[in-house]
Amino acid sequence: FCLNIFICLMTCACYQEPLPEAVRQHSLRKRFFYFGRLLVVFVLSLLGGLWMYQYGLPRVDIVLQSMPIMALSALLVYVALTQALFASINLLTPKPIAMSLSYLTCMLSVMFSGLTWPLEMMPWYIREFATWIPLTPFLQSVQVFLYHDANWGDLADFYQMFLKQLVLYAILIFAAMRMRDIKLFTKWAWRKLRGNSVEDAPSGNGDAVAVGVTSQTSVT
């Protein structure tokens, strides 16, 4: 729970904090600057998760029953996808509402992931929505490799959920980074369609005028 909130707050801070003027003027430098901030958040979150594995869980008499590499891989994927979730929110929404929407998403992810209430008691549409939240497969995989001597096959379903989330967030981030190009293409396509409709309109009016002139001449 604390790790999820930490990733949410720090990822939002990466985008809410103003950039230096020298960085803001160059698009490529700005992307590398954001990437550097996100990389720092990723390392800090990973260290926090490792501390939880090493010192937090043993203090409550919970000992890892599976290979440490399984716990580390699940933590790596979870931190990366959670960052991608909140980064896509901050990229796709305006700054004044991006942080509020990120907080709301963070709280809903905690509620719908099965951390506070059992996921099996929720309606089917909430269970389906939960499969797109990185916290859900992470918590389910933690329950497997913490309490059982699991192998990689036992985590296959959870990594399938991680994979489809990766595809979704990659598409969202790519669309957000290309939003300016998408807007320009949309405007160009709209002008093209309007231009074609305007070009078609005079020909129809000309035919109507010609028909009117012909009928008037026949009456005369």
C-alpha atoms as a PDB file:
ATOM      1  CA  PHE A   1       0.000   0.000   0.000  1.00  0.00           C
ATOM      2  CA  CYS A   2       2.733   2.476   0.981  1.00  0.00           C
ATOM      3  CA  LEU A   3       4.831   1.563  -2.039  1.00  0.00           C
ATOM      4  CA  ASN A   4       1.881   2.153  -4.384  1.00  0.00           C
ATOM      5  CA  ILE A   5       1.234   5.600  -2.900  1.00  0.00           C
ATOM      6  CA  PHE A   6       4.951   6.463  -3.027  1.00  0.00           C
ATOM      7  CA  ILE A   7       5.165   5.596  -6.737  1.00  0.00           C
ATOM      8  CA  CYS A   8       2.022   7.628  -7.433  1.00  0.00           C
ATOM      9  CA  LEU A   9       3.278  10.731  -5.606  1.00  0.00           C
ATOM     10  CA  MET A  10       6.799  10.653  -7.005  1.00  0.00           C
ATOM     11  CA  THR A  11       5.710   9.951 -10.593  1.00  0.00           C
ATOM     12  CA  CYS A  12       3.268  12.863 -10.450  1.00  0.00           C
ATOM     13  CA  ALA A  13       6.022  15.067  -9.036  1.00  0.00           C
ATOM     14  CA  CYS A  14       8.201  14.209 -12.046  1.00  0.00           C
ATOM     15  CA  TYR A  15       5.650  15.877 -14.327  1.00  0.00           C
ATOM     16  CA  GLN A  16       4.217  18.551 -12.034  1.00  0.00           C
ATOM     17  CA  GLU A  17       7.575  20.090 -11.115  1.00  0.00           C
ATOM     18  CA  PRO A  18       8.484  22.814 -13.658  1.00  0.00           C
ATOM     19  CA  LEU A  19      11.388  22.143 -15.979  1.00  0.00           C
ATOM     20  CA  PRO A  20      14.417  24.450 -16.268  1.00  0.00           C
ATOM     21  CA  GLU A  21      14.133  26.973 -19.077  1.00  0.00           C
ATOM     22  CA  ALA A  22      17.116  25.532 -20.951  1.00  0.00           C
ATOM     23  CA  VAL A  23      15.493  22.077 -20.957  1.00  0.00           C
ATOM     24  CA  ARG A  24      11.992  23.269 -21.807  1.00  0.00           C
ATOM     25  CA  GLN A  25      13.051  24.719 -25.152  1.00  0.00           C
ATOM     26  CA  HIS A  26      14.370  21.418 -26.551  1.00  0.00           C
ATOM     27  CA  SER A  27      11.927  18.543 -26.971  1.00  0.00           C
ATOM     28  CA  LEU A  28      14.581  15.810 -27.005  1.00  0.00           C
ATOM     29  CA  ARG A  29      16.353  17.177 -23.944  1.00  0.00           C
ATOM     30  CA  LYS A  30      13.003  17.470 -22.173  1.00  0.00           C
ATOM     31  CA  ARG A  31      12.232  13.787 -22.774  1.00  0.00           C
ATOM     32  CA  PHE A  32      15.619  12.740 -21.410  1.00  0.00           C
ATOM     33  CA  PHE A  33      15.055  14.968 -18.378  1.00  0.00           C
ATOM     34  CA  TYR A  34      11.707  13.304 -17.646  1.00  0.00           C
ATOM     35  CA  PHE A  35      13.292   9.887 -18.195  1.00  0.00           C
ATOM     36  CA  GLY A  36      16.018  10.728 -15.676  1.00  0.00           C
ATOM     37  CA  ARG A  37      13.449  11.738 -13.082  1.00  0.00           C
ATOM     38  CA  LEU A  38      11.435   8.580 -13.645  1.00  0.00           C
ATOM     39  CA  LEU A  39      14.579   6.462 -13.423  1.00  0.00           C
ATOM     40  CA  VAL A  40      15.373   7.933 -10.003  1.00  0.00           C
ATOM     41  CA  VAL A  41      11.830   7.152  -8.828  1.00  0.00           C
ATOM     42  CA  PHE A  42      12.161   3.621 -10.204  1.00  0.00           C
ATOM     43  CA  VAL A  43      15.408   2.991  -8.286  1.00  0.00           C
ATOM     44  CA  LEU A  44      14.011   4.425  -5.044  1.00  0.00           C
ATOM     45  CA  SER A  45      10.820   2.363  -5.363  1.00  0.00           C
ATOM     46  CA  LEU A  46      12.831  -0.775  -6.087  1.00  0.00           C
ATOM     47  CA  LEU A  47      15.007  -0.187  -3.035  1.00  0.00           C
ATOM     48  CA  GLY A  48      11.878   0.308  -0.938  1.00  0.00           C
ATOM     49  CA  GLY A  49      10.429  -2.974  -2.173  1.00  0.00           C
ATOM     50  CA  LEU A  50      13.693  -4.799  -1.493  1.00  0.00           C
ATOM     51  CA  TRP A  51      13.778  -3.359   2.008  1.00  0.00           C
ATOM     52  CA  MET A  52      10.253  -4.700   2.525  1.00  0.00           C
ATOM     53  CA  TYR A  53      11.355  -8.173   1.406  1.00  0.00           C
ATOM     54  CA  GLN A  54      14.530  -8.166   3.483  1.00  0.00           C
ATOM     55  CA  TYR A  55      13.504  -6.430   6.707  1.00  0.00           C
ATOM     56  CA  GLY A  56       9.795  -5.595   6.713  1.00  0.00           C
ATOM     57  CA  LEU A  57       8.290  -9.043   6.208  1.00  0.00           C
ATOM     58  CA  PRO A  58      10.582 -10.926   8.619  1.00  0.00           C
ATOM     59  CA  ARG A  59       9.547  -8.513  11.382  1.00  0.00           C
ATOM     60  CA  VAL A  60       6.004  -9.896  11.092  1.00  0.00           C
ATOM     61  CA  ASP A  61       7.243 -13.502  10.827  1.00  0.00           C
ATOM     62  CA  ILE A  62       6.774 -13.797   7.057  1.00  0.00           C
ATOM     63  CA  VAL A  63       9.660 -15.533   5.281  1.00  0.00           C
ATOM     64  CA  LEU A  64      10.063 -15.916   1.524  1.00  0.00           C
ATOM     65  CA  GLN A  65       9.405 -19.556   0.568  1.00  0.00           C
ATOM     66  CA  SER A  66      10.405 -19.370  -3.105  1.00  0.00           C
ATOM     67  CA  MET A  67      13.472 -18.292  -5.035  1.00  0.00           C
ATOM     68  CA  PRO A  68      14.437 -14.631  -4.434  1.00  0.00           C
ATOM     69  CA  ILE A  69      14.696 -14.040  -8.206  1.00  0.00           C
ATOM     70  CA  MET A  70      10.953 -14.643  -8.512  1.00  0.00           C
ATOM     71  CA  ALA A  71      10.168 -11.983  -5.922  1.00  0.00           C
ATOM     72  CA  LEU A  72      12.642  -9.576  -7.523  1.00  0.00           C
ATOM     73  CA  SER A  73      11.214 -10.062 -11.029  1.00  0.00           C
ATOM     74  CA  ALA A  74       7.643  -9.471  -9.834  1.00  0.00           C
ATOM     75  CA  LEU A  75       8.760  -6.329  -8.000  1.00  0.00           C
ATOM     76  CA  LEU A  76      10.613  -4.997 -11.049  1.00  0.00           C
ATOM     77  CA  VAL A  77       7.629  -5.467 -13.346  1.00  0.00           C
ATOM     78  CA  TYR A  78       5.192  -4.036 -10.805  1.00  0.00           C
ATOM     79  CA  VAL A  79       7.217  -0.857 -10.214  1.00  0.00           C
ATOM     80  CA  ALA A  80       7.768  -0.273 -13.938  1.00  0.00           C
ATOM     81  CA  LEU A  81       4.099  -0.778 -14.862  1.00  0.00           C
ATOM     82  CA  THR A  82       2.822   1.323 -11.970  1.00  0.00           C
ATOM     83  CA  GLN A  83       5.082   4.142 -13.103  1.00  0.00           C
ATOM     84  CA  ALA A  84       3.785   3.686 -16.654  1.00  0.00           C
ATOM     85  CA  LEU A  85       0.190   3.902 -15.379  1.00  0.00           C
ATOM     86  CA  PHE A  86       0.675   7.217 -13.586  1.00  0.00           C
ATOM     87  CA  ALA A  87       2.967   8.587 -16.304  1.00  0.00           C
ATOM     88  CA  SER A  88       0.281   7.967 -18.935  1.00  0.00           C
ATOM     89  CA  ILE A  89      -2.271   9.779 -16.753  1.00  0.00           C
ATOM     90  CA  ASN A  90       0.015  12.801 -16.410  1.00  0.00           C
ATOM     91  CA  LEU A  91       0.821  12.811 -20.120  1.00  0.00           C
ATOM     92  CA  LEU A  92      -2.763  12.492 -21.347  1.00  0.00           C
ATOM     93  CA  THR A  93      -4.529  14.873 -18.947  1.00  0.00           C
ATOM     94  CA  PRO A  94      -3.941  18.574 -18.175  1.00  0.00           C
ATOM     95  CA  LYS A  95      -1.698  19.361 -15.220  1.00  0.00           C
ATOM     96  CA  PRO A  96      -4.412  20.851 -12.951  1.00  0.00           C
ATOM     97  CA  ILE A  97      -6.372  17.587 -12.896  1.00  0.00           C
ATOM     98  CA  ALA A  98      -3.593  15.046 -13.549  1.00  0.00           C
ATOM     99  CA  MET A  99      -2.528  14.774  -9.900  1.00  0.00           C
ATOM    100  CA  SER A 100      -6.116  14.494  -8.619  1.00  0.00           C
ATOM    101  CA  LEU A 101      -6.874  11.805 -11.198  1.00  0.00           C
ATOM    102  CA  SER A 102      -3.669   9.972 -10.239  1.00  0.00           C
ATOM    103  CA  TYR A 103      -4.672  10.014  -6.546  1.00  0.00           C
ATOM    104  CA  LEU A 104      -8.106   8.690  -7.416  1.00  0.00           C
ATOM    105  CA  THR A 105      -6.612   5.938  -9.559  1.00  0.00           C
ATOM    106  CA  CYS A 106      -4.192   5.063  -6.762  1.00  0.00           C
ATOM    107  CA  MET A 107      -6.994   4.686  -4.213  1.00  0.00           C
ATOM    108  CA  LEU A 108      -9.169   2.697  -6.620  1.00  0.00           C
ATOM    109  CA  SER A 109      -6.270   0.397  -7.449  1.00  0.00           C
ATOM    110  CA  VAL A 110      -5.827  -0.348  -3.743  1.00  0.00           C
ATOM    111  CA  MET A 111      -9.558  -1.016  -3.326  1.00  0.00           C
ATOM    112  CA  PHE A 112     -10.061  -3.112  -6.466  1.00  0.00           C
ATOM    113  CA  SER A 113      -6.825  -5.102  -6.377  1.00  0.00           C
ATOM    114  CA  GLY A 114      -7.947  -7.294  -3.487  1.00  0.00           C
ATOM    115  CA  LEU A 115      -5.742  -5.587  -0.899  1.00  0.00           C
ATOM    116  CA  THR A 116      -8.607  -4.260   1.207  1.00  0.00           C
ATOM    117  CA  TRP A 117     -11.514  -6.478   0.111  1.00  0.00           C
ATOM    118  CA  PRO A 118     -11.462  -9.973  -1.424  1.00  0.00           C
ATOM    119  CA  LEU A 119     -11.533  -9.726  -5.201  1.00  0.00           C
ATOM    120  CA  GLU A 120     -13.770 -12.807  -5.468  1.00  0.00           C
ATOM    121  CA  MET A 121     -16.628 -10.956  -3.726  1.00  0.00           C
ATOM    122  CA  MET A 122     -16.675  -8.144  -6.293  1.00  0.00           C
ATOM    123  CA  PRO A 123     -18.825  -8.036  -9.474  1.00  0.00           C
ATOM    124  CA  TRP A 124     -17.360  -9.448 -12.675  1.00  0.00           C
ATOM    125  CA  TYR A 125     -16.784  -6.039 -14.277  1.00  0.00           C
ATOM    126  CA  ILE A 126     -14.708  -4.883 -11.297  1.00  0.00           C
ATOM    127  CA  ARG A 127     -12.732  -8.132 -11.413  1.00  0.00           C
ATOM    128  CA  GLU A 128     -12.074  -7.526 -15.120  1.00  0.00           C
ATOM    129  CA  PHE A 129     -11.066  -3.920 -14.424  1.00  0.00           C
ATOM    130  CA  ALA A 130      -8.705  -5.145 -11.698  1.00  0.00           C
ATOM    131  CA  THR A 131      -6.737  -7.205 -14.210  1.00  0.00           C
ATOM    132  CA  TRP A 132      -5.578  -3.931 -15.817  1.00  0.00           C
ATOM    133  CA  ILE A 133      -4.162  -2.606 -12.514  1.00  0.00           C
ATOM    134  CA  PRO A 134      -0.488  -3.502 -11.871  1.00  0.00           C
ATOM    135  CA  LEU A 135      -1.112  -3.960  -8.151  1.00  0.00           C
ATOM    136  CA  THR A 136      -3.512  -6.891  -8.753  1.00  0.00           C
ATOM    137  CA  PRO A 137      -1.133  -9.441 -10.338  1.00  0.00           C
ATOM    138  CA  PHE A 138       1.656  -8.293  -8.037  1.00  0.00           C
ATOM    139  CA  LEU A 139      -0.361  -8.986  -4.881  1.00  0.00           C
ATOM    140  CA  GLN A 140      -1.561 -12.318  -6.219  1.00  0.00           C
ATOM    141  CA  SER A 141       1.976 -13.369  -7.137  1.00  0.00           C
ATOM    142  CA  VAL A 142       3.246 -12.254  -3.716  1.00  0.00           C
ATOM    143  CA  GLN A 143       0.735 -14.559  -2.048  1.00  0.00           C
ATOM    144  CA  VAL A 144       2.078 -17.439  -4.143  1.00  0.00           C
ATOM    145  CA  PHE A 145       5.832 -17.079  -3.705  1.00  0.00           C
ATOM    146  CA  LEU A 146       5.685 -15.895  -0.080  1.00  0.00           C
ATOM    147  CA  TYR A 147       3.687 -18.807   1.287  1.00  0.00           C
ATOM    148  CA  HIS A 148       4.482 -21.620  -1.178  1.00  0.00           C
ATOM    149  CA  ASP A 149       7.532 -23.163  -2.762  1.00  0.00           C
ATOM    150  CA  ALA A 150       6.460 -21.939  -6.197  1.00  0.00           C
ATOM    151  CA  ASN A 151       8.036 -22.320  -9.629  1.00  0.00           C
ATOM    152  CA  TRP A 152       7.812 -20.103 -12.698  1.00  0.00           C
ATOM    153  CA  GLY A 153       4.797 -22.004 -14.022  1.00  0.00           C
ATOM    154  CA  ASP A 154       2.783 -20.982 -10.961  1.00  0.00           C
ATOM    155  CA  LEU A 155       3.272 -17.322 -11.900  1.00  0.00           C
ATOM    156  CA  ALA A 156       2.353 -17.671 -15.576  1.00  0.00           C
ATOM    157  CA  ASP A 157      -1.176 -16.239 -15.174  1.00  0.00           C
ATOM    158  CA  PHE A 158       0.125 -13.202 -13.324  1.00  0.00           C
ATOM    159  CA  TYR A 159       2.773 -12.468 -15.936  1.00  0.00           C
ATOM    160  CA  GLN A 160       0.118 -12.711 -18.645  1.00  0.00           C
ATOM    161  CA  MET A 161      -1.756  -9.919 -16.847  1.00  0.00           C
ATOM    162  CA  PHE A 162       1.479  -7.944 -16.632  1.00  0.00           C
ATOM    163  CA  LEU A 163       2.036  -8.453 -20.365  1.00  0.00           C
ATOM    164  CA  LYS A 164      -1.358  -7.131 -21.459  1.00  0.00           C
ATOM    165  CA  GLN A 165      -0.915  -4.151 -19.132  1.00  0.00           C
ATOM    166  CA  LEU A 166       2.462  -3.482 -20.719  1.00  0.00           C
ATOM    167  CA  VAL A 167       0.864  -3.372 -24.179  1.00  0.00           C
ATOM    168  CA  LEU A 168      -1.880  -1.003 -22.999  1.00  0.00           C
ATOM    169  CA  TYR A 169       0.430   1.459 -21.238  1.00  0.00           C
ATOM    170  CA  ALA A 170       2.930   1.405 -24.091  1.00  0.00           C
ATOM    171  CA  ILE A 171       0.150   2.412 -26.507  1.00  0.00           C
ATOM    172  CA  LEU A 172      -1.072   5.166 -24.154  1.00  0.00           C
ATOM    173  CA  ILE A 173       2.408   6.605 -23.628  1.00  0.00           C
ATOM    174  CA  PHE A 174       3.192   6.474 -27.349  1.00  0.00           C
ATOM    175  CA  ALA A 175      -0.103   8.244 -28.123  1.00  0.00           C
ATOM    176  CA  ALA A 176       0.631  10.869 -25.470  1.00  0.00           C
ATOM    177  CA  MET A 177       4.112  11.521 -26.826  1.00  0.00           C
ATOM    178  CA  ARG A 178       2.702  11.828 -30.346  1.00  0.00           C
ATOM    179  CA  MET A 179      -0.335  13.855 -29.296  1.00  0.00           C
ATOM    180  CA  ARG A 180       0.826  16.952 -31.192  1.00  0.00           C
ATOM    181  CA  ASP A 181       1.260  14.942 -34.390  1.00  0.00           C
ATOM    182  CA  ILE A 182      -2.156  13.317 -33.886  1.00  0.00           C
ATOM    183  CA  LYS A 183      -3.778  16.747 -33.461  1.00  0.00           C
ATOM    184  CA  LEU A 184      -2.089  18.065 -36.602  1.00  0.00           C
ATOM    185  CA  PHE A 185      -3.191  15.006 -38.580  1.00  0.00           C
ATOM    186  CA  THR A 186      -6.765  15.353 -37.272  1.00  0.00           C
ATOM    187  CA  LYS A 187      -6.901  19.018 -38.289  1.00  0.00           C
ATOM    188  CA  TRP A 188      -5.472  18.203 -41.725  1.00  0.00           C
ATOM    189  CA  ALA A 189      -7.989  15.378 -42.247  1.00  0.00           C
ATOM    190  CA  TRP A 190     -10.883  17.608 -41.120  1.00  0.00           C
ATOM    191  CA  ARG A 191      -9.843  20.400 -43.488  1.00  0.00           C
ATOM    192  CA  LYS A 192      -9.468  17.868 -46.282  1.00  0.00           C
ATOM    193  CA  LEU A 193     -12.961  16.529 -45.695  1.00  0.00           C
ATOM    194  CA  ARG A 194     -14.437  20.012 -45.470  1.00  0.00           C
ATOM    195  CA  GLY A 195     -12.577  21.015 -48.630  1.00  0.00           C
ATOM    196  CA  ASN A 196     -14.038  18.083 -50.525  1.00  0.00           C
ATOM    197  CA  SER A 197     -17.549  18.869 -49.310  1.00  0.00           C
ATOM    198  CA  VAL A 198     -17.183  22.518 -50.303  1.00  0.00           C
ATOM    199  CA  GLU A 199     -15.904  21.522 -53.736  1.00  0.00           C
ATOM    200  CA  ASP A 200     -18.890  19.220 -54.220  1.00  0.00           C
ATOM    201  CA  ALA A 201     -21.413  21.867 -53.153  1.00  0.00           C
ATOM    202  CA  PRO A 202     -21.049  24.345 -56.084  1.00  0.00           C
ATOM    203  CA  SER A 203     -21.476  21.604 -58.660  1.00  0.00           C
ATOM    204  CA  GLY A 204     -24.826  20.697 -57.121  1.00  0.00           C
ATOM    205  CA  ASN A 205     -25.922  24.368 -57.055  1.00  0.00           C
ATOM    206  CA  GLY A 206     -24.798  24.812 -60.647  1.00  0.00           C
ATOM    207  CA  ASP A 207     -26.910  21.853 -61.750  1.00  0.00           C
ATOM    208  CA  ALA A 208     -29.906  23.286 -59.935  1.00  0.00           C
ATOM    209  CA  VAL A 209     -29.426  26.687 -61.597  1.00  0.00           C
ATOM    210  CA  ALA A 210     -29.059  25.036 -64.991  1.00  0.00           C
ATOM    211  CA  VAL A 211     -32.271  23.097 -64.454  1.00  0.00           C
ATOM    212  CA  GLY A 212     -34.044  26.302 -63.407  1.00  0.00           C
ATOM    213  CA  VAL A 213     -32.847  28.176 -66.492  1.00  0.00           C
ATOM    214  CA  THR A 214     -33.883  25.285 -68.765  1.00  0.00           C
ATOM    215  CA  SER A 215     -37.381  25.149 -67.263  1.00  0.00           C
ATOM    216  CA  GLN A 216     -37.772  28.906 -67.550  1.00  0.00           C
ATOM    217  CA  THR A 217     -36.746  28.807 -71.227  1.00  0.00           C
ATOM    218  CA  SER A 218     -39.201  26.025 -71.964  1.00  0.00           C
ATOM    219  CA  VAL A 219     -42.040  27.975 -70.354  1.00  0.00           C
ATOM    220  CA  THR A 220     -41.171  31.048 -72.457  1.00  0.00           C
END
